[in-house]
Amino acid sequence: MKKIVPDPPRFFPYLSISPDLTPEAARAEATSLMACLREVLDMYFDTNSEEQRHTLLNTCIYLNQLLYPLIRHETGAQP
């Protein structure tokens, strides 16, 4: 009997960037998101509540996921 091998995982971006967005505008948006990420991380390290820390850490993950396509667009990389 032949062993069933699953297909390898594929990258399906769930966030897409408008092709009309210029690299400069993508850089500006990425810079703004990075500043927000830094502020959220500052709050994370200043917070003692475990529940709030968990929420702030999740926020950092989401901000990072938003940054990824902007940075790739700004550098001209393909997804």
N, C-alpha and C. Protein backbone atom coordinates (compact mmCIF):
# COMPACT_ATOMS: atom_id res chain seq x y z
N MET A 1 0.85 -1.17 0.00
CA MET A 1 0.00 0.00 0.00
C MET A 1 0.90 1.24 0.00
N LYS A 2 0.59 2.17 -0.87
CA LYS A 2 1.37 3.39 -1.00
C LYS A 2 0.99 4.38 0.10
N LYS A 3 2.03 4.96 0.72
CA LYS A 3 1.80 5.93 1.78
C LYS A 3 1.33 7.26 1.17
N ILE A 4 0.29 7.82 1.74
CA ILE A 4 -0.22 9.10 1.27
C ILE A 4 0.62 10.22 1.87
N VAL A 5 1.19 11.04 1.00
CA VAL A 5 2.03 12.15 1.43
C VAL A 5 1.29 13.44 1.10
N PRO A 6 1.09 14.30 2.10
CA PRO A 6 0.38 15.55 1.84
C PRO A 6 1.23 16.52 1.01
N ASP A 7 0.54 17.41 0.32
CA ASP A 7 1.25 18.46 -0.42
C ASP A 7 1.97 19.36 0.57
N PRO A 8 3.11 19.92 0.16
CA PRO A 8 3.81 20.84 1.06
C PRO A 8 2.96 22.09 1.28
N PRO A 9 3.17 22.75 2.41
CA PRO A 9 2.39 23.97 2.68
C PRO A 9 2.72 25.05 1.65
N ARG A 10 1.73 25.85 1.34
CA ARG A 10 1.89 26.96 0.41
C ARG A 10 1.63 28.26 1.15
N PHE A 11 2.29 29.29 0.67
CA PHE A 11 2.10 30.61 1.27
C PHE A 11 0.92 31.30 0.60
N PHE A 12 -0.12 31.56 1.37
CA PHE A 12 -1.29 32.29 0.88
C PHE A 12 -1.40 33.58 1.68
N PRO A 13 -0.93 34.69 1.12
CA PRO A 13 -1.00 35.93 1.88
C PRO A 13 -2.46 36.36 2.11
N TYR A 14 -2.78 36.68 3.32
CA TYR A 14 -4.13 37.15 3.62
C TYR A 14 -4.17 38.66 3.71
N LEU A 15 -3.01 39.28 3.62
CA LEU A 15 -2.94 40.73 3.55
C LEU A 15 -2.28 41.08 2.22
N SER A 16 -2.86 41.99 1.50
CA SER A 16 -2.26 42.39 0.24
C SER A 16 -2.13 43.90 0.20
N ILE A 17 -1.16 44.35 -0.55
CA ILE A 17 -0.86 45.76 -0.68
C ILE A 17 -1.33 46.23 -2.06
N SER A 18 -1.92 47.38 -2.10
CA SER A 18 -2.35 47.96 -3.38
C SER A 18 -1.13 48.20 -4.26
N PRO A 19 -1.19 47.80 -5.52
CA PRO A 19 -0.06 48.06 -6.42
C PRO A 19 0.17 49.55 -6.66
N ASP A 20 -0.82 50.38 -6.32
CA ASP A 20 -0.67 51.83 -6.48
C ASP A 20 0.15 52.46 -5.35
N LEU A 21 0.41 51.71 -4.29
CA LEU A 21 1.18 52.23 -3.16
C LEU A 21 2.64 52.34 -3.56
N THR A 22 3.20 53.53 -3.43
CA THR A 22 4.60 53.73 -3.80
C THR A 22 5.50 53.16 -2.71
N PRO A 23 6.75 52.82 -3.06
CA PRO A 23 7.69 52.35 -2.04
C PRO A 23 7.88 53.37 -0.91
N GLU A 24 7.87 54.64 -1.25
CA GLU A 24 8.04 55.68 -0.23
C GLU A 24 6.86 55.69 0.74
N ALA A 25 5.65 55.55 0.21
CA ALA A 25 4.46 55.51 1.06
C ALA A 25 4.46 54.24 1.91
N ALA A 26 4.90 53.13 1.34
CA ALA A 26 4.99 51.88 2.11
C ALA A 26 5.99 52.04 3.24
N ARG A 27 7.11 52.71 2.97
CA ARG A 27 8.12 52.94 4.00
C ARG A 27 7.56 53.82 5.12
N ALA A 28 6.80 54.85 4.74
CA ALA A 28 6.21 55.75 5.74
C ALA A 28 5.22 54.99 6.62
N GLU A 29 4.38 54.17 6.01
CA GLU A 29 3.41 53.37 6.79
C GLU A 29 4.13 52.37 7.68
N ALA A 30 5.18 51.74 7.16
CA ALA A 30 5.94 50.77 7.96
C ALA A 30 6.61 51.47 9.15
N THR A 31 7.13 52.65 8.91
CA THR A 31 7.76 53.41 10.00
C THR A 31 6.74 53.75 11.08
N SER A 32 5.55 54.14 10.67
CA SER A 32 4.49 54.44 11.63
C SER A 32 4.10 53.20 12.44
N LEU A 33 3.97 52.06 11.75
CA LEU A 33 3.63 50.82 12.46
C LEU A 33 4.74 50.39 13.41
N MET A 34 6.00 50.60 13.02
CA MET A 34 7.12 50.25 13.90
C MET A 34 7.12 51.11 15.16
N ALA A 35 6.78 52.39 15.01
CA ALA A 35 6.69 53.26 16.18
C ALA A 35 5.59 52.78 17.11
N CYS A 36 4.46 52.39 16.54
CA CYS A 36 3.35 51.84 17.34
C CYS A 36 3.78 50.55 18.03
N LEU A 37 4.49 49.69 17.30
CA LEU A 37 4.97 48.44 17.87
C LEU A 37 5.91 48.70 19.05
N ARG A 38 6.78 49.70 18.91
CA ARG A 38 7.69 50.05 20.00
C ARG A 38 6.91 50.51 21.24
N GLU A 39 5.88 51.32 21.03
CA GLU A 39 5.07 51.79 22.15
C GLU A 39 4.33 50.64 22.84
N VAL A 40 3.81 49.72 22.05
CA VAL A 40 3.11 48.57 22.63
C VAL A 40 4.09 47.71 23.42
N LEU A 41 5.30 47.53 22.90
CA LEU A 41 6.31 46.76 23.64
C LEU A 41 6.71 47.46 24.93
N ASP A 42 6.80 48.79 24.90
CA ASP A 42 7.07 49.53 26.13
C ASP A 42 5.98 49.26 27.17
N MET A 43 4.72 49.29 26.74
CA MET A 43 3.61 49.00 27.65
C MET A 43 3.69 47.56 28.17
N TYR A 44 4.07 46.64 27.28
CA TYR A 44 4.19 45.23 27.66
C TYR A 44 5.18 45.07 28.81
N PHE A 45 6.34 45.70 28.69
CA PHE A 45 7.37 45.55 29.72
C PHE A 45 7.05 46.31 31.00
N ASP A 46 6.15 47.30 30.92
CA ASP A 46 5.76 48.07 32.10
C ASP A 46 4.54 47.50 32.80
N THR A 47 3.91 46.48 32.22
CA THR A 47 2.67 45.93 32.76
C THR A 47 2.95 44.67 33.57
N ASN A 48 2.28 44.57 34.71
CA ASN A 48 2.45 43.39 35.56
C ASN A 48 1.32 42.38 35.39
N SER A 49 0.18 42.82 34.92
CA SER A 49 -0.97 41.93 34.75
C SER A 49 -0.70 40.93 33.63
N GLU A 50 -0.81 39.66 33.96
CA GLU A 50 -0.55 38.61 32.96
C GLU A 50 -1.54 38.68 31.80
N GLU A 51 -2.80 38.98 32.11
CA GLU A 51 -3.82 39.07 31.06
C GLU A 51 -3.51 40.22 30.10
N GLN A 52 -3.12 41.37 30.66
CA GLN A 52 -2.79 42.52 29.81
C GLN A 52 -1.53 42.24 28.99
N ARG A 53 -0.56 41.57 29.60
CA ARG A 53 0.67 41.23 28.88
C ARG A 53 0.36 40.32 27.69
N HIS A 54 -0.54 39.38 27.90
CA HIS A 54 -0.93 38.46 26.83
C HIS A 54 -1.59 39.24 25.68
N THR A 55 -2.47 40.16 26.01
CA THR A 55 -3.14 40.98 25.00
C THR A 55 -2.14 41.85 24.25
N LEU A 56 -1.22 42.46 24.98
CA LEU A 56 -0.21 43.31 24.35
C LEU A 56 0.72 42.50 23.45
N LEU A 57 1.06 41.30 23.87
CA LEU A 57 1.92 40.45 23.05
C LEU A 57 1.20 40.05 21.76
N ASN A 58 -0.09 39.73 21.86
CA ASN A 58 -0.87 39.43 20.66
C ASN A 58 -0.93 40.65 19.73
N THR A 59 -1.05 41.83 20.31
CA THR A 59 -1.06 43.05 19.51
C THR A 59 0.25 43.20 18.76
N CYS A 60 1.35 42.90 19.41
CA CYS A 60 2.67 42.96 18.76
C CYS A 60 2.74 41.98 17.59
N ILE A 61 2.18 40.81 17.77
CA ILE A 61 2.19 39.81 16.69
C ILE A 61 1.40 40.33 15.50
N TYR A 62 0.23 40.91 15.75
CA TYR A 62 -0.59 41.44 14.66
C TYR A 62 0.10 42.60 13.95
N LEU A 63 0.72 43.49 14.71
CA LEU A 63 1.43 44.61 14.10
C LEU A 63 2.58 44.10 13.23
N ASN A 64 3.27 43.07 13.71
CA ASN A 64 4.35 42.49 12.93
C ASN A 64 3.83 41.89 11.62
N GLN A 65 2.67 41.25 11.69
CA GLN A 65 2.08 40.67 10.48
C GLN A 65 1.65 41.76 9.50
N LEU A 66 1.26 42.91 10.00
CA LEU A 66 0.92 44.03 9.13
C LEU A 66 2.17 44.64 8.50
N LEU A 67 3.27 44.63 9.24
CA LEU A 67 4.52 45.19 8.75
C LEU A 67 5.11 44.39 7.59
N TYR A 68 4.98 43.08 7.66
CA TYR A 68 5.64 42.20 6.69
C TYR A 68 5.33 42.56 5.24
N PRO A 69 4.06 42.65 4.83
CA PRO A 69 3.81 42.98 3.42
C PRO A 69 4.25 44.40 3.05
N LEU A 70 4.19 45.33 3.99
CA LEU A 70 4.64 46.69 3.69
C LEU A 70 6.14 46.72 3.41
N ILE A 71 6.90 46.02 4.22
CA ILE A 71 8.35 46.00 4.04
C ILE A 71 8.71 45.28 2.74
N ARG A 72 8.02 44.18 2.46
CA ARG A 72 8.29 43.46 1.21
C ARG A 72 7.93 44.34 0.00
N HIS A 73 6.86 45.09 0.09
CA HIS A 73 6.47 45.99 -1.00
C HIS A 73 7.51 47.10 -1.16
N GLU A 74 7.96 47.63 -0.06
CA GLU A 74 8.92 48.74 -0.09
C GLU A 74 10.24 48.30 -0.71
N THR A 75 10.66 47.06 -0.44
CA THR A 75 11.93 46.58 -0.97
C THR A 75 11.79 45.99 -2.37
N GLY A 76 10.55 45.85 -2.84
CA GLY A 76 10.33 45.29 -4.16
C GLY A 76 10.33 43.77 -4.20
N ALA A 77 10.33 43.13 -3.04
CA ALA A 77 10.33 41.67 -2.98
C ALA A 77 8.95 41.13 -3.32
N GLN A 78 8.91 39.98 -3.92
CA GLN A 78 7.65 39.32 -4.24
C GLN A 78 7.22 38.46 -3.05
N PRO A 79 5.91 38.34 -2.80
CA PRO A 79 5.45 37.51 -1.67
C PRO A 79 5.78 36.06 -1.84
